């Protein structure tokens, strides 16, 4: 069964840190670009960071220097280390997998809530 399962969300004070994890089915993970998206209330879902199967990364400007995406290919897991969190980072964070040639992900996790208090 194809699935993505996120964990690690929660409530944290501004300036704090959280690490999100996403465990993926092997069939998803091995050949796909993995990413984290987020959606705040009343806003569109936006890309936070992506990492290719070869380890290349991209980040949204709003999180550069604060967030780090990584993947453990042996564990079929992708991580998002979030440091220096701000109230505007509050959102539901989604793990996603994007097949080669697609511009949008074709697999999504269920989402995990991240709330940053001021």
Protein backbone atom coordinates (compact mmCIF):
# COMPACT_ATOMS: atom_id res chain seq x y z
CA UNK A 1 0.00 0.00 0.00
CA UNK A 2 1.31 3.41 -0.97
CA UNK A 3 1.42 5.79 1.95
CA UNK A 4 3.18 8.68 3.64
CA UNK A 5 2.93 9.05 7.42
CA UNK A 6 4.03 12.26 9.11
CA UNK A 7 4.92 12.77 12.76
CA UNK A 8 6.57 15.38 14.95
CA UNK A 9 4.20 18.31 14.86
CA UNK A 10 3.10 20.18 17.96
CA UNK A 11 3.04 23.43 19.86
CA UNK A 12 6.25 25.40 20.36
CA UNK A 13 7.17 28.91 21.40
CA UNK A 14 8.64 31.38 18.94
CA UNK A 15 12.35 30.76 18.52
CA UNK A 16 11.99 27.07 19.28
CA UNK A 17 12.61 23.99 17.17
CA UNK A 18 10.71 20.99 15.90
CA UNK A 19 11.63 18.08 13.67
CA UNK A 20 9.05 16.56 11.38
CA UNK A 21 9.43 13.03 10.05
CA UNK A 22 7.72 11.31 7.16
CA UNK A 23 7.89 7.56 6.72
CA UNK A 24 7.17 6.47 3.17
CA UNK A 25 6.48 3.24 1.40
CA UNK A 26 9.59 2.06 -0.38
CA UNK A 27 7.86 2.19 -3.74
CA UNK A 28 7.28 5.91 -3.22
CA UNK A 29 10.54 6.86 -1.69
CA UNK A 30 13.24 5.35 -3.83
CA UNK A 31 12.82 7.26 -7.08
CA UNK A 32 10.87 10.32 -6.15
CA UNK A 33 11.56 13.82 -5.02
CA UNK A 34 10.29 14.22 -1.48
CA UNK A 35 8.97 17.47 -0.12
CA UNK A 36 7.26 19.33 2.66
CA UNK A 37 4.38 21.68 2.00
CA UNK A 38 2.33 23.72 4.43
CA UNK A 39 -1.09 25.31 4.51
CA UNK A 40 -2.12 28.01 6.94
CA UNK A 41 -5.79 28.87 7.54
CA UNK A 42 -7.20 30.86 4.65
CA UNK A 43 -4.07 30.45 2.56
CA UNK A 44 -3.01 28.25 -0.31
CA UNK A 45 -0.79 25.26 0.22
CA UNK A 46 2.82 26.24 -0.42
CA UNK A 47 6.09 24.44 -0.94
CA UNK A 48 8.44 24.62 2.04
CA UNK A 49 11.32 22.43 0.87
CA UNK A 50 12.14 19.58 -1.50
CA UNK A 51 14.92 17.02 -1.75
CA UNK A 52 15.66 14.85 -4.77
CA UNK A 53 16.65 11.20 -4.63
CA UNK A 54 20.22 12.41 -5.18
CA UNK A 55 20.09 14.86 -2.27
CA UNK A 56 19.67 18.19 -4.04
CA UNK A 57 17.50 20.62 -2.10
CA UNK A 58 15.40 23.72 -2.62
CA UNK A 59 13.75 25.93 -0.02
CA UNK A 60 11.11 28.61 0.10
CA UNK A 61 12.70 32.00 0.71
CA UNK A 62 10.75 32.35 3.95
CA UNK A 63 12.48 29.35 5.54
CA UNK A 64 15.98 29.54 4.11
CA UNK A 65 18.59 29.43 6.84
CA UNK A 66 16.09 28.17 9.42
CA UNK A 67 14.75 24.88 8.02
CA UNK A 68 16.69 21.87 6.77
CA UNK A 69 15.28 19.00 4.75
CA UNK A 70 17.06 15.65 4.70
CA UNK A 71 16.35 12.05 3.80
CA UNK A 72 17.48 8.67 5.08
CA UNK A 73 17.23 6.33 2.11
CA UNK A 74 17.82 3.25 4.28
CA UNK A 75 14.77 4.12 6.38
CA UNK A 76 12.59 5.55 3.57
CA UNK A 77 12.18 8.63 5.72
CA UNK A 78 12.39 12.34 5.03
CA UNK A 79 12.87 14.92 7.76
CA UNK A 80 12.28 18.63 8.18
CA UNK A 81 14.33 20.23 10.93
CA UNK A 82 12.75 23.57 11.81
CA UNK A 83 14.75 26.04 13.89
CA UNK A 84 14.03 29.62 14.80
CA UNK A 85 10.31 29.06 14.43
CA UNK A 86 8.06 32.08 14.00
CA UNK A 87 4.30 32.48 14.53
CA UNK A 88 3.92 32.80 10.76
CA UNK A 89 5.22 29.23 10.42
CA UNK A 90 2.00 28.01 12.01
CA UNK A 91 0.29 25.68 9.54
CA UNK A 92 -0.56 22.10 8.73
CA UNK A 93 2.56 20.55 7.26
CA UNK A 94 2.22 17.88 4.58
CA UNK A 95 4.75 15.39 3.36
CA UNK A 96 4.63 14.82 -0.39
CA UNK A 97 6.24 12.68 -3.07
CA UNK A 98 6.65 13.87 -6.65
CA UNK A 99 7.34 11.53 -9.55
CA UNK A 100 9.86 12.52 -12.19
CA UNK A 101 8.32 14.73 -14.83
CA UNK A 102 5.52 16.02 -12.68
CA UNK A 103 5.33 19.59 -11.41
CA UNK A 104 3.08 18.72 -8.49
CA UNK A 105 3.26 15.83 -6.01
CA UNK A 106 1.28 12.70 -6.78
CA UNK A 107 1.29 11.39 -3.21
CA UNK A 108 0.41 13.23 0.00
CA UNK A 109 0.50 12.50 3.69
CA UNK A 110 -2.35 13.30 6.03
CA UNK A 111 -0.69 16.38 7.51
CA UNK A 112 0.61 17.34 10.93
CA UNK A 113 -0.20 20.56 12.78
CA UNK A 114 2.61 22.93 13.76
CA UNK A 115 1.63 25.82 16.02
CA UNK A 116 4.11 28.51 17.02
CA UNK A 117 3.07 30.80 19.85
CA UNK A 118 4.41 34.32 20.23
